[in-house]
């Protein structure tokens, strides 16, 4: 076996190893992406469920329970800061 044959054999081995790695890495990447999409969908469903529960809980109470909403600081803080003076 001469140097050219050894170099050609090493080149084929290298090419085969790179192709195998690309298949493995690509498969792992696709599998990871699919798992990530599944997790994201599960989190979206949980978020939507929790949001629906919170909105449902707030819908059962009248706005008077929470008091009226106004922009700015609460009246006691405004009085202490003399903002109404």
C-alpha atoms as a PDB file:
ATOM      1  CA  UNK A   1       0.000   0.000   0.000  1.00  0.00           C
ATOM      2  CA  UNK A   2       1.504   3.315  -1.017  1.00  0.00           C
ATOM      3  CA  UNK A   3       1.003   6.821   0.340  1.00  0.00           C
ATOM      4  CA  UNK A   4      -1.733   7.692  -2.153  1.00  0.00           C
ATOM      5  CA  UNK A   5      -3.769   4.638  -1.236  1.00  0.00           C
ATOM      6  CA  UNK A   6      -3.398   5.394   2.468  1.00  0.00           C
ATOM      7  CA  UNK A   7      -4.372   9.033   1.888  1.00  0.00           C
ATOM      8  CA  UNK A   8      -7.403   7.976  -0.174  1.00  0.00           C
ATOM      9  CA  UNK A   9      -8.495   5.482   2.484  1.00  0.00           C
ATOM     10  CA  UNK A  10      -8.139   8.100   5.219  1.00  0.00           C
ATOM     11  CA  UNK A  11     -10.123  10.582   3.116  1.00  0.00           C
ATOM     12  CA  UNK A  12     -12.960   8.063   2.665  1.00  0.00           C
ATOM     13  CA  UNK A  13     -12.956   7.264   6.394  1.00  0.00           C
ATOM     14  CA  UNK A  14     -13.037  10.958   7.216  1.00  0.00           C
ATOM     15  CA  UNK A  15     -15.885  11.573   4.767  1.00  0.00           C
ATOM     16  CA  UNK A  16     -17.858   8.615   6.169  1.00  0.00           C
ATOM     17  CA  UNK A  17     -17.318   9.816   9.746  1.00  0.00           C
ATOM     18  CA  UNK A  18     -18.433  13.357   8.857  1.00  0.00           C
ATOM     19  CA  UNK A  19     -21.541  12.047   7.071  1.00  0.00           C
ATOM     20  CA  UNK A  20     -22.404   9.838  10.061  1.00  0.00           C
ATOM     21  CA  UNK A  21     -21.943  12.787  12.436  1.00  0.00           C
ATOM     22  CA  UNK A  22     -24.172  14.985  10.272  1.00  0.00           C
ATOM     23  CA  UNK A  23     -26.915  12.338  10.364  1.00  0.00           C
ATOM     24  CA  UNK A  24     -26.633  11.930  14.142  1.00  0.00           C
ATOM     25  CA  UNK A  25     -26.429  15.664  14.864  1.00  0.00           C
ATOM     26  CA  UNK A  26     -29.253  16.438  12.448  1.00  0.00           C
ATOM     27  CA  UNK A  27     -31.450  13.776  14.022  1.00  0.00           C
ATOM     28  CA  UNK A  28     -30.703  15.081  17.506  1.00  0.00           C
ATOM     29  CA  UNK A  29     -31.417  18.635  16.367  1.00  0.00           C
ATOM     30  CA  UNK A  30     -34.755  17.641  14.865  1.00  0.00           C
ATOM     31  CA  UNK A  31     -35.650  15.633  17.962  1.00  0.00           C
ATOM     32  CA  UNK A  32     -34.692  18.548  20.218  1.00  0.00           C
ATOM     33  CA  UNK A  33     -36.721  20.975  18.137  1.00  0.00           C
ATOM     34  CA  UNK A  34     -39.755  18.696  18.268  1.00  0.00           C
ATOM     35  CA  UNK A  35     -39.435  18.356  22.059  1.00  0.00           C
ATOM     36  CA  UNK A  36     -39.086  22.135  22.394  1.00  0.00           C
ATOM     37  CA  UNK A  37     -42.214  22.693  20.334  1.00  0.00           C
ATOM     38  CA  UNK A  38     -44.100  20.179  22.469  1.00  0.00           C
ATOM     39  CA  UNK A  39     -42.967  21.882  25.674  1.00  0.00           C
ATOM     40  CA  UNK A  40     -43.895  25.303  24.342  1.00  0.00           C
ATOM     41  CA  UNK A  41     -47.361  24.073  23.375  1.00  0.00           C
ATOM     42  CA  UNK A  42     -47.836  22.564  26.838  1.00  0.00           C
ATOM     43  CA  UNK A  43     -46.804  25.838  28.477  1.00  0.00           C
ATOM     44  CA  UNK A  44     -49.178  27.795  26.220  1.00  0.00           C
ATOM     45  CA  UNK A  45     -52.034  25.507  27.242  1.00  0.00           C
ATOM     46  CA  UNK A  46     -51.195  25.918  30.936  1.00  0.00           C
ATOM     47  CA  UNK A  47     -50.932  29.694  30.538  1.00  0.00           C
ATOM     48  CA  UNK A  48     -54.282  29.864  28.750  1.00  0.00           C
ATOM     49  CA  UNK A  49     -55.877  27.679  31.436  1.00  0.00           C
ATOM     50  CA  UNK A  50     -54.480  29.796  34.282  1.00  0.00           C
ATOM     51  CA  UNK A  51     -55.497  33.018  32.529  1.00  0.00           C
ATOM     52  CA  UNK A  52     -59.015  31.678  32.014  1.00  0.00           C
ATOM     53  CA  UNK A  53     -59.273  30.744  35.684  1.00  0.00           C
ATOM     54  CA  UNK A  54     -58.096  34.168  36.834  1.00  0.00           C
ATOM     55  CA  UNK A  55     -60.446  35.984  34.458  1.00  0.00           C
ATOM     56  CA  UNK A  56     -63.299  33.747  35.599  1.00  0.00           C
ATOM     57  CA  UNK A  57     -62.535  34.535  39.242  1.00  0.00           C
ATOM     58  CA  UNK A  58     -62.491  38.273  38.555  1.00  0.00           C
ATOM     59  CA  UNK A  59     -65.712  38.074  36.566  1.00  0.00           C
ATOM     60  CA  UNK A  60     -67.526  36.720  39.623  1.00  0.00           C
ATOM     61  CA  UNK A  61     -66.808  39.851  41.650  1.00  0.00           C
ATOM     62  CA  UNK A  62     -68.151  43.283  40.975  1.00  0.00           C
ATOM     63  CA  UNK A  63     -65.745  46.170  40.391  1.00  0.00           C
ATOM     64  CA  UNK A  64     -66.804  47.648  43.732  1.00  0.00           C
ATOM     65  CA  UNK A  65     -65.039  44.824  45.565  1.00  0.00           C
ATOM     66  CA  UNK A  66     -61.707  46.038  44.225  1.00  0.00           C
ATOM     67  CA  UNK A  67     -62.470  49.739  44.564  1.00  0.00           C
ATOM     68  CA  UNK A  68     -62.331  52.237  41.808  1.00  0.00           C
ATOM     69  CA  UNK A  69     -59.204  52.504  39.757  1.00  0.00           C
ATOM     70  CA  UNK A  70     -57.671  55.886  39.183  1.00  0.00           C
ATOM     71  CA  UNK A  71     -54.419  56.916  37.632  1.00  0.00           C
ATOM     72  CA  UNK A  72     -51.789  58.214  39.995  1.00  0.00           C
ATOM     73  CA  UNK A  73     -50.881  57.450  43.570  1.00  0.00           C
ATOM     74  CA  UNK A  74     -53.413  56.322  46.162  1.00  0.00           C
ATOM     75  CA  UNK A  75     -55.183  59.285  47.835  1.00  0.00           C
ATOM     76  CA  UNK A  76     -53.313  58.881  51.130  1.00  0.00           C
ATOM     77  CA  UNK A  77     -49.939  59.105  49.369  1.00  0.00           C
ATOM     78  CA  UNK A  78     -51.091  62.091  47.350  1.00  0.00           C
ATOM     79  CA  UNK A  79     -52.181  63.842  50.558  1.00  0.00           C
ATOM     80  CA  UNK A  80     -48.861  63.126  52.235  1.00  0.00           C
ATOM     81  CA  UNK A  81     -47.023  64.485  49.225  1.00  0.00           C
ATOM     82  CA  UNK A  82     -49.327  67.529  49.080  1.00  0.00           C
ATOM     83  CA  UNK A  83     -50.184  66.784  45.486  1.00  0.00           C
ATOM     84  CA  UNK A  84     -53.771  67.881  46.063  1.00  0.00           C
ATOM     85  CA  UNK A  85     -52.736  71.053  47.923  1.00  0.00           C
END
